[in-house]
């Protein structure tokens, strides 16, 4: 069943969009409860992950661990989905 779904995504060239939507959906599991609770919006545009955080200290912590978060994203969703992380 999973193979058929993957073939369907390839046929319609939707693999990238599916991985982007999966990343946005899985954001709380990826970064943990502390950051997820203070995240108000997450979206991807032009291979940049935009994250709006409503806490200054949490935003600074996320920016300090930016490379670790990008590495986790590449590992879980594949390279090329997100090239940069922007905290707002």
PDB file of N, CA and C in Angstrom:
ATOM      1  N   UNK A   1       0.825  -1.190   0.000  1.00  0.00           N
ATOM      2  CA  UNK A   1       0.000   0.000   0.000  1.00  0.00           C
ATOM      3  C   UNK A   1       0.873   1.259   0.000  1.00  0.00           C
ATOM      4  N   UNK A   2       1.907   1.253   0.844  1.00  0.00           N
ATOM      5  CA  UNK A   2       2.788   2.425   0.910  1.00  0.00           C
ATOM      6  C   UNK A   2       3.513   2.639  -0.413  1.00  0.00           C
ATOM      7  N   UNK A   3       3.942   1.559  -1.039  1.00  0.00           N
ATOM      8  CA  UNK A   3       4.635   1.659  -2.326  1.00  0.00           C
ATOM      9  C   UNK A   3       3.712   2.254  -3.385  1.00  0.00           C
ATOM     10  N   UNK A   4       2.447   1.864  -3.366  1.00  0.00           N
ATOM     11  CA  UNK A   4       1.484   2.402  -4.327  1.00  0.00           C
ATOM     12  C   UNK A   4       1.292   3.901  -4.101  1.00  0.00           C
ATOM     13  N   UNK A   5       1.241   4.301  -2.835  1.00  0.00           N
ATOM     14  CA  UNK A   5       1.095   5.725  -2.510  1.00  0.00           C
ATOM     15  C   UNK A   5       2.310   6.517  -2.985  1.00  0.00           C
ATOM     16  N   UNK A   6       3.509   5.989  -2.758  1.00  0.00           N
ATOM     17  CA  UNK A   6       4.737   6.649  -3.208  1.00  0.00           C
ATOM     18  C   UNK A   6       4.765   6.757  -4.732  1.00  0.00           C
ATOM     19  N   UNK A   7       4.327   5.704  -5.423  1.00  0.00           N
ATOM     20  CA  UNK A   7       4.259   5.740  -6.887  1.00  0.00           C
ATOM     21  C   UNK A   7       3.285   6.806  -7.367  1.00  0.00           C
ATOM     22  N   UNK A   8       2.172   6.944  -6.666  1.00  0.00           N
ATOM     23  CA  UNK A   8       1.183   7.960  -7.014  1.00  0.00           C
ATOM     24  C   UNK A   8       1.770   9.367  -6.839  1.00  0.00           C
ATOM     25  N   UNK A   9       2.479   9.593  -5.730  1.00  0.00           N
ATOM     26  CA  UNK A   9       3.115  10.900  -5.508  1.00  0.00           C
ATOM     27  C   UNK A   9       4.132  11.207  -6.599  1.00  0.00           C
ATOM     28  N   UNK A  10       4.909  10.197  -7.003  1.00  0.00           N
ATOM     29  CA  UNK A  10       5.890  10.390  -8.070  1.00  0.00           C
ATOM     30  C   UNK A  10       5.206  10.697  -9.391  1.00  0.00           C
ATOM     31  N   UNK A  11       4.150   9.983  -9.685  1.00  0.00           N
ATOM     32  CA  UNK A  11       3.449  10.159 -10.958  1.00  0.00           C
ATOM     33  C   UNK A  11       2.898  11.578 -11.098  1.00  0.00           C
ATOM     34  N   UNK A  12       2.396  12.122 -10.009  1.00  0.00           N
ATOM     35  CA  UNK A  12       1.830  13.471 -10.053  1.00  0.00           C
ATOM     36  C   UNK A  12       2.813  14.549  -9.595  1.00  0.00           C
ATOM     37  N   UNK A  13       4.049  14.158  -9.366  1.00  0.00           N
ATOM     38  CA  UNK A  13       5.115  15.082  -8.947  1.00  0.00           C
ATOM     39  C   UNK A  13       4.741  15.869  -7.692  1.00  0.00           C
ATOM     40  N   UNK A  14       4.242  15.160  -6.707  1.00  0.00           N
ATOM     41  CA  UNK A  14       3.813  15.785  -5.460  1.00  0.00           C
ATOM     42  C   UNK A  14       4.666  15.382  -4.263  1.00  0.00           C
ATOM     43  N   UNK A  15       5.784  14.706  -4.509  1.00  0.00           N
ATOM     44  CA  UNK A  15       6.627  14.240  -3.401  1.00  0.00           C
ATOM     45  C   UNK A  15       7.094  15.382  -2.515  1.00  0.00           C
ATOM     46  N   UNK A  16       7.596  16.446  -3.129  1.00  0.00           N
ATOM     47  CA  UNK A  16       8.117  17.579  -2.368  1.00  0.00           C
ATOM     48  C   UNK A  16       7.055  18.239  -1.518  1.00  0.00           C
ATOM     49  N   UNK A  17       5.895  18.493  -2.094  1.00  0.00           N
ATOM     50  CA  UNK A  17       4.801  19.133  -1.349  1.00  0.00           C
ATOM     51  C   UNK A  17       4.333  18.244  -0.203  1.00  0.00           C
ATOM     52  N   UNK A  18       4.279  16.926  -0.441  1.00  0.00           N
ATOM     53  CA  UNK A  18       3.864  16.000   0.609  1.00  0.00           C
ATOM     54  C   UNK A  18       4.851  16.032   1.768  1.00  0.00           C
ATOM     55  N   UNK A  19       6.152  16.051   1.454  1.00  0.00           N
ATOM     56  CA  UNK A  19       7.164  16.100   2.520  1.00  0.00           C
ATOM     57  C   UNK A  19       7.097  17.427   3.270  1.00  0.00           C
ATOM     58  N   UNK A  20       6.830  18.529   2.563  1.00  0.00           N
ATOM     59  CA  UNK A  20       6.694  19.832   3.229  1.00  0.00           C
ATOM     60  C   UNK A  20       5.512  19.821   4.195  1.00  0.00           C
ATOM     61  N   UNK A  21       4.384  19.319   3.744  1.00  0.00           N
ATOM     62  CA  UNK A  21       3.191  19.275   4.606  1.00  0.00           C
ATOM     63  C   UNK A  21       3.412  18.332   5.789  1.00  0.00           C
ATOM     64  N   UNK A  22       4.129  17.242   5.569  1.00  0.00           N
ATOM     65  CA  UNK A  22       4.441  16.323   6.668  1.00  0.00           C
ATOM     66  C   UNK A  22       5.316  17.010   7.705  1.00  0.00           C
ATOM     67  N   UNK A  23       6.296  17.783   7.249  1.00  0.00           N
ATOM     68  CA  UNK A  23       7.180  18.513   8.158  1.00  0.00           C
ATOM     69  C   UNK A  23       6.387  19.507   9.003  1.00  0.00           C
ATOM     70  N   UNK A  24       5.505  20.263   8.371  1.00  0.00           N
ATOM     71  CA  UNK A  24       4.700  21.244   9.102  1.00  0.00           C
ATOM     72  C   UNK A  24       3.807  20.536  10.121  1.00  0.00           C
ATOM     73  N   UNK A  25       3.215  19.437   9.716  1.00  0.00           N
ATOM     74  CA  UNK A  25       2.348  18.672  10.618  1.00  0.00           C
ATOM     75  C   UNK A  25       3.132  18.092  11.796  1.00  0.00           C
ATOM     76  N   UNK A  26       4.355  17.640  11.546  1.00  0.00           N
ATOM     77  CA  UNK A  26       5.175  16.992  12.569  1.00  0.00           C
ATOM     78  C   UNK A  26       6.047  17.959  13.368  1.00  0.00           C
ATOM     79  N   UNK A  27       5.904  19.254  13.177  1.00  0.00           N
ATOM     80  CA  UNK A  27       6.735  20.253  13.854  1.00  0.00           C
ATOM     81  C   UNK A  27       6.780  20.036  15.369  1.00  0.00           C
ATOM     82  N   UNK A  28       5.638  19.816  16.065  1.00  0.00           N
ATOM     83  CA  UNK A  28       5.708  19.608  17.520  1.00  0.00           C
ATOM     84  C   UNK A  28       6.548  18.396  17.926  1.00  0.00           C
ATOM     85  N   UNK A  29       6.470  17.298  17.192  1.00  0.00           N
ATOM     86  CA  UNK A  29       7.267  16.122  17.515  1.00  0.00           C
ATOM     87  C   UNK A  29       8.744  16.359  17.214  1.00  0.00           C
ATOM     88  N   UNK A  30       9.022  17.175  16.221  1.00  0.00           N
ATOM     89  CA  UNK A  30      10.396  17.434  15.812  1.00  0.00           C
ATOM     90  C   UNK A  30      11.152  18.279  16.834  1.00  0.00           C
ATOM     91  N   UNK A  31      10.508  19.334  17.348  1.00  0.00           N
ATOM     92  CA  UNK A  31      11.212  20.280  18.231  1.00  0.00           C
ATOM     93  C   UNK A  31      10.885  20.118  19.716  1.00  0.00           C
ATOM     94  N   UNK A  32       9.854  19.380  20.033  1.00  0.00           N
ATOM     95  CA  UNK A  32       9.496  19.180  21.428  1.00  0.00           C
ATOM     96  C   UNK A  32       8.402  20.116  21.905  1.00  0.00           C
ATOM     97  N   UNK A  33       7.876  19.814  23.073  1.00  0.00           N
ATOM     98  CA  UNK A  33       6.722  20.517  23.622  1.00  0.00           C
ATOM     99  C   UNK A  33       6.995  21.991  23.935  1.00  0.00           C
ATOM    100  N   UNK A  34       8.153  22.298  24.490  1.00  0.00           N
ATOM    101  CA  UNK A  34       8.449  23.680  24.887  1.00  0.00           C
ATOM    102  C   UNK A  34       8.390  24.632  23.702  1.00  0.00           C
ATOM    103  N   UNK A  35       9.075  24.278  22.632  1.00  0.00           N
ATOM    104  CA  UNK A  35       9.087  25.144  21.446  1.00  0.00           C
ATOM    105  C   UNK A  35       7.737  25.094  20.746  1.00  0.00           C
ATOM    106  N   UNK A  36       7.149  23.916  20.642  1.00  0.00           N
ATOM    107  CA  UNK A  36       5.868  23.772  19.936  1.00  0.00           C
ATOM    108  C   UNK A  36       4.766  24.585  20.606  1.00  0.00           C
ATOM    109  N   UNK A  37       4.754  24.648  21.933  1.00  0.00           N
ATOM    110  CA  UNK A  37       3.731  25.411  22.649  1.00  0.00           C
ATOM    111  C   UNK A  37       3.852  26.913  22.391  1.00  0.00           C
ATOM    112  N   UNK A  38       5.027  27.365  22.055  1.00  0.00           N
ATOM    113  CA  UNK A  38       5.237  28.796  21.815  1.00  0.00           C
ATOM    114  C   UNK A  38       5.303  29.145  20.322  1.00  0.00           C
ATOM    115  N   UNK A  39       5.009  28.164  19.476  1.00  0.00           N
ATOM    116  CA  UNK A  39       4.990  28.381  18.037  1.00  0.00           C
ATOM    117  C   UNK A  39       3.575  28.743  17.615  1.00  0.00           C
ATOM    118  N   UNK A  40       3.447  29.880  16.919  1.00  0.00           N
ATOM    119  CA  UNK A  40       2.116  30.302  16.480  1.00  0.00           C
ATOM    120  C   UNK A  40       1.860  29.987  15.009  1.00  0.00           C
ATOM    121  N   UNK A  41       2.907  29.908  14.194  1.00  0.00           N
ATOM    122  CA  UNK A  41       2.704  29.515  12.800  1.00  0.00           C
ATOM    123  C   UNK A  41       3.994  28.950  12.219  1.00  0.00           C
ATOM    124  N   UNK A  42       3.818  28.014  11.281  1.00  0.00           N
ATOM    125  CA  UNK A  42       4.928  27.366  10.590  1.00  0.00           C
ATOM    126  C   UNK A  42       4.536  27.244   9.127  1.00  0.00           C
ATOM    127  N   UNK A  43       5.418  27.719   8.232  1.00  0.00           N
ATOM    128  CA  UNK A  43       5.166  27.530   6.807  1.00  0.00           C
ATOM    129  C   UNK A  43       6.488  27.506   6.056  1.00  0.00           C
ATOM    130  N   UNK A  44       6.436  26.967   4.839  1.00  0.00           N
ATOM    131  CA  UNK A  44       7.630  26.844   4.000  1.00  0.00           C
ATOM    132  C   UNK A  44       7.389  27.642   2.722  1.00  0.00           C
ATOM    133  N   UNK A  45       8.391  28.446   2.370  1.00  0.00           N
ATOM    134  CA  UNK A  45       8.334  29.221   1.131  1.00  0.00           C
ATOM    135  C   UNK A  45       9.749  29.310   0.576  1.00  0.00           C
ATOM    136  N   UNK A  46       9.927  28.930  -0.669  1.00  0.00           N
ATOM    137  CA  UNK A  46      11.224  28.992  -1.351  1.00  0.00           C
ATOM    138  C   UNK A  46      12.319  28.256  -0.563  1.00  0.00           C
ATOM    139  N   UNK A  47      12.024  27.079  -0.100  1.00  0.00           N
ATOM    140  CA  UNK A  47      12.937  26.226   0.665  1.00  0.00           C
ATOM    141  C   UNK A  47      13.407  26.870   1.965  1.00  0.00           C
ATOM    142  N   UNK A  48      12.622  27.768   2.500  1.00  0.00           N
ATOM    143  CA  UNK A  48      12.908  28.379   3.801  1.00  0.00           C
ATOM    144  C   UNK A  48      11.756  28.046   4.732  1.00  0.00           C
ATOM    145  N   UNK A  49      12.092  27.558   5.912  1.00  0.00           N
ATOM    146  CA  UNK A  49      11.093  27.239   6.923  1.00  0.00           C
ATOM    147  C   UNK A  49      10.924  28.463   7.814  1.00  0.00           C
ATOM    148  N   UNK A  50       9.746  29.057   7.775  1.00  0.00           N
ATOM    149  CA  UNK A  50       9.439  30.231   8.581  1.00  0.00           C
ATOM    150  C   UNK A  50       8.662  29.770   9.813  1.00  0.00           C
ATOM    151  N   UNK A  51       9.160  30.158  10.985  1.00  0.00           N
ATOM    152  CA  UNK A  51       8.541  29.770  12.246  1.00  0.00           C
ATOM    153  C   UNK A  51       8.299  31.028  13.060  1.00  0.00           C
ATOM    154  N   UNK A  52       7.045  31.250  13.447  1.00  0.00           N
ATOM    155  CA  UNK A  52       6.723  32.405  14.280  1.00  0.00           C
ATOM    156  C   UNK A  52       6.626  31.937  15.723  1.00  0.00           C
ATOM    157  N   UNK A  53       7.487  32.505  16.564  1.00  0.00           N
ATOM    158  CA  UNK A  53       7.581  32.143  17.975  1.00  0.00           C
ATOM    159  C   UNK A  53       7.145  33.347  18.814  1.00  0.00           C
ATOM    160  N   UNK A  54       6.312  33.109  19.837  1.00  0.00           N
ATOM    161  CA  UNK A  54       5.826  34.227  20.656  1.00  0.00           C
ATOM    162  C   UNK A  54       6.605  34.408  21.957  1.00  0.00           C
ATOM    163  N   UNK A  55       7.810  33.835  22.032  1.00  0.00           N
ATOM    164  CA  UNK A  55       8.653  33.981  23.228  1.00  0.00           C
ATOM    165  C   UNK A  55      10.084  34.290  22.789  1.00  0.00           C
ATOM    166  N   UNK A  56      10.610  35.400  23.258  1.00  0.00           N
ATOM    167  CA  UNK A  56      11.969  35.803  22.906  1.00  0.00           C
ATOM    168  C   UNK A  56      13.039  34.781  23.269  1.00  0.00           C
ATOM    169  N   UNK A  57      13.052  34.288  24.520  1.00  0.00           N
ATOM    170  CA  UNK A  57      14.077  33.307  24.891  1.00  0.00           C
ATOM    171  C   UNK A  57      13.989  32.007  24.076  1.00  0.00           C
ATOM    172  N   UNK A  58      12.784  31.564  23.787  1.00  0.00           N
ATOM    173  CA  UNK A  58      12.619  30.336  22.992  1.00  0.00           C
ATOM    174  C   UNK A  58      13.079  30.575  21.560  1.00  0.00           C
ATOM    175  N   UNK A  59      12.791  31.765  21.045  1.00  0.00           N
ATOM    176  CA  UNK A  59      13.235  32.110  19.687  1.00  0.00           C
ATOM    177  C   UNK A  59      14.764  32.102  19.620  1.00  0.00           C
ATOM    178  N   UNK A  60      15.408  32.665  20.626  1.00  0.00           N
ATOM    179  CA  UNK A  60      16.881  32.687  20.665  1.00  0.00           C
ATOM    180  C   UNK A  60      17.434  31.270  20.765  1.00  0.00           C
ATOM    181  N   UNK A  61      16.815  30.438  21.599  1.00  0.00           N
ATOM    182  CA  UNK A  61      17.248  29.049  21.743  1.00  0.00           C
ATOM    183  C   UNK A  61      17.119  28.298  20.411  1.00  0.00           C
ATOM    184  N   UNK A  62      16.027  28.519  19.708  1.00  0.00           N
ATOM    185  CA  UNK A  62      15.821  27.864  18.421  1.00  0.00           C
ATOM    186  C   UNK A  62      16.853  28.329  17.394  1.00  0.00           C
ATOM    187  N   UNK A  63      17.170  29.606  17.398  1.00  0.00           N
ATOM    188  CA  UNK A  63      18.173  30.126  16.461  1.00  0.00           C
ATOM    189  C   UNK A  63      19.562  29.575  16.783  1.00  0.00           C
ATOM    190  N   UNK A  64      19.854  29.367  18.065  1.00  0.00           N
ATOM    191  CA  UNK A  64      21.152  28.815  18.448  1.00  0.00           C
ATOM    192  C   UNK A  64      21.278  27.345  18.034  1.00  0.00           C
ATOM    193  N   UNK A  65      20.168  26.635  17.975  1.00  0.00           N
ATOM    194  CA  UNK A  65      20.206  25.226  17.578  1.00  0.00           C
ATOM    195  C   UNK A  65      19.684  25.030  16.149  1.00  0.00           C
ATOM    196  N   UNK A  66      19.797  26.073  15.355  1.00  0.00           N
ATOM    197  CA  UNK A  66      19.314  26.067  13.974  1.00  0.00           C
ATOM    198  C   UNK A  66      19.933  24.930  13.152  1.00  0.00           C
ATOM    199  N   UNK A  67      21.231  24.751  13.238  1.00  0.00           N
ATOM    200  CA  UNK A  67      21.890  23.715  12.434  1.00  0.00           C
ATOM    201  C   UNK A  67      21.425  22.322  12.847  1.00  0.00           C
ATOM    202  N   UNK A  68      21.180  22.125  14.143  1.00  0.00           N
ATOM    203  CA  UNK A  68      20.701  20.831  14.624  1.00  0.00           C
ATOM    204  C   UNK A  68      19.291  20.549  14.091  1.00  0.00           C
ATOM    205  N   UNK A  69      18.431  21.551  14.108  1.00  0.00           N
ATOM    206  CA  UNK A  69      17.062  21.391  13.603  1.00  0.00           C
ATOM    207  C   UNK A  69      17.087  21.091  12.106  1.00  0.00           C
ATOM    208  N   UNK A  70      17.915  21.815  11.360  1.00  0.00           N
ATOM    209  CA  UNK A  70      18.019  21.568   9.910  1.00  0.00           C
ATOM    210  C   UNK A  70      18.552  20.161   9.630  1.00  0.00           C
ATOM    211  N   UNK A  71      19.493  19.693  10.452  1.00  0.00           N
ATOM    212  CA  UNK A  71      20.020  18.335  10.285  1.00  0.00           C
ATOM    213  C   UNK A  71      18.935  17.292  10.563  1.00  0.00           C
ATOM    214  N   UNK A  72      18.124  17.526  11.583  1.00  0.00           N
ATOM    215  CA  UNK A  72      17.018  16.613  11.881  1.00  0.00           C
ATOM    216  C   UNK A  72      16.014  16.562  10.735  1.00  0.00           C
ATOM    217  N   UNK A  73      15.725  17.716  10.155  1.00  0.00           N
ATOM    218  CA  UNK A  73      14.786  17.786   9.030  1.00  0.00           C
ATOM    219  C   UNK A  73      15.341  17.024   7.841  1.00  0.00           C
ATOM    220  N   UNK A  74      16.618  17.246   7.527  1.00  0.00           N
ATOM    221  CA  UNK A  74      17.239  16.536   6.404  1.00  0.00           C
ATOM    222  C   UNK A  74      17.231  15.028   6.630  1.00  0.00           C
ATOM    223  N   UNK A  75      17.478  14.618   7.866  1.00  0.00           N
ATOM    224  CA  UNK A  75      17.524  13.191   8.190  1.00  0.00           C
ATOM    225  C   UNK A  75      16.142  12.543   8.060  1.00  0.00           C
ATOM    226  N   UNK A  76      15.122  13.237   8.552  1.00  0.00           N
ATOM    227  CA  UNK A  76      13.785  12.642   8.590  1.00  0.00           C
ATOM    228  C   UNK A  76      13.017  12.796   7.279  1.00  0.00           C
ATOM    229  N   UNK A  77      13.163  13.939   6.602  1.00  0.00           N
ATOM    230  CA  UNK A  77      12.350  14.228   5.420  1.00  0.00           C
ATOM    231  C   UNK A  77      13.146  14.249   4.123  1.00  0.00           C
ATOM    232  N   UNK A  78      14.453  14.116   4.218  1.00  0.00           N
ATOM    233  CA  UNK A  78      15.288  14.117   3.026  1.00  0.00           C
ATOM    234  C   UNK A  78      15.875  15.491   2.760  1.00  0.00           C
ATOM    235  N   UNK A  79      17.056  15.477   2.176  1.00  0.00           N
ATOM    236  CA  UNK A  79      17.746  16.740   1.870  1.00  0.00           C
ATOM    237  C   UNK A  79      16.994  17.480   0.769  1.00  0.00           C
ATOM    238  N   UNK A  80      17.067  18.801   0.837  1.00  0.00           N
ATOM    239  CA  UNK A  80      16.477  19.620  -0.209  1.00  0.00           C
ATOM    240  C   UNK A  80      15.099  20.158   0.090  1.00  0.00           C
ATOM    241  N   UNK A  81      14.478  19.721   1.166  1.00  0.00           N
ATOM    242  CA  UNK A  81      13.143  20.244   1.510  1.00  0.00           C
ATOM    243  C   UNK A  81      13.290  21.650   2.068  1.00  0.00           C
ATOM    244  N   UNK A  82      14.209  21.822   3.021  1.00  0.00           N
ATOM    245  CA  UNK A  82      14.408  23.113   3.675  1.00  0.00           C
ATOM    246  C   UNK A  82      15.902  23.423   3.667  1.00  0.00           C
ATOM    247  N   UNK A  83      16.245  24.624   3.209  1.00  0.00           N
ATOM    248  CA  UNK A  83      17.636  25.040   3.182  1.00  0.00           C
ATOM    249  C   UNK A  83      17.973  26.008   4.320  1.00  0.00           C
ATOM    250  N   UNK A  84      16.944  26.653   4.873  1.00  0.00           N
ATOM    251  CA  UNK A  84      17.184  27.653   5.920  1.00  0.00           C
ATOM    252  C   UNK A  84      16.000  27.686   6.878  1.00  0.00           C
ATOM    253  N   UNK A  85      16.249  28.140   8.099  1.00  0.00           N
ATOM    254  CA  UNK A  85      15.243  28.287   9.129  1.00  0.00           C
ATOM    255  C   UNK A  85      15.202  29.757   9.530  1.00  0.00           C
ATOM    256  N   UNK A  86      14.029  30.351   9.432  1.00  0.00           N
ATOM    257  CA  UNK A  86      13.852  31.763   9.768  1.00  0.00           C
ATOM    258  C   UNK A  86      12.866  31.864  10.928  1.00  0.00           C
ATOM    259  N   UNK A  87      13.307  32.441  12.044  1.00  0.00           N
ATOM    260  CA  UNK A  87      12.443  32.644  13.199  1.00  0.00           C
ATOM    261  C   UNK A  87      11.913  34.072  13.182  1.00  0.00           C
ATOM    262  N   UNK A  88      10.627  34.198  13.394  1.00  0.00           N
ATOM    263  CA  UNK A  88       9.998  35.528  13.389  1.00  0.00           C
ATOM    264  C   UNK A  88       9.368  35.789  14.742  1.00  0.00           C
TER     265      UNK A  88
END
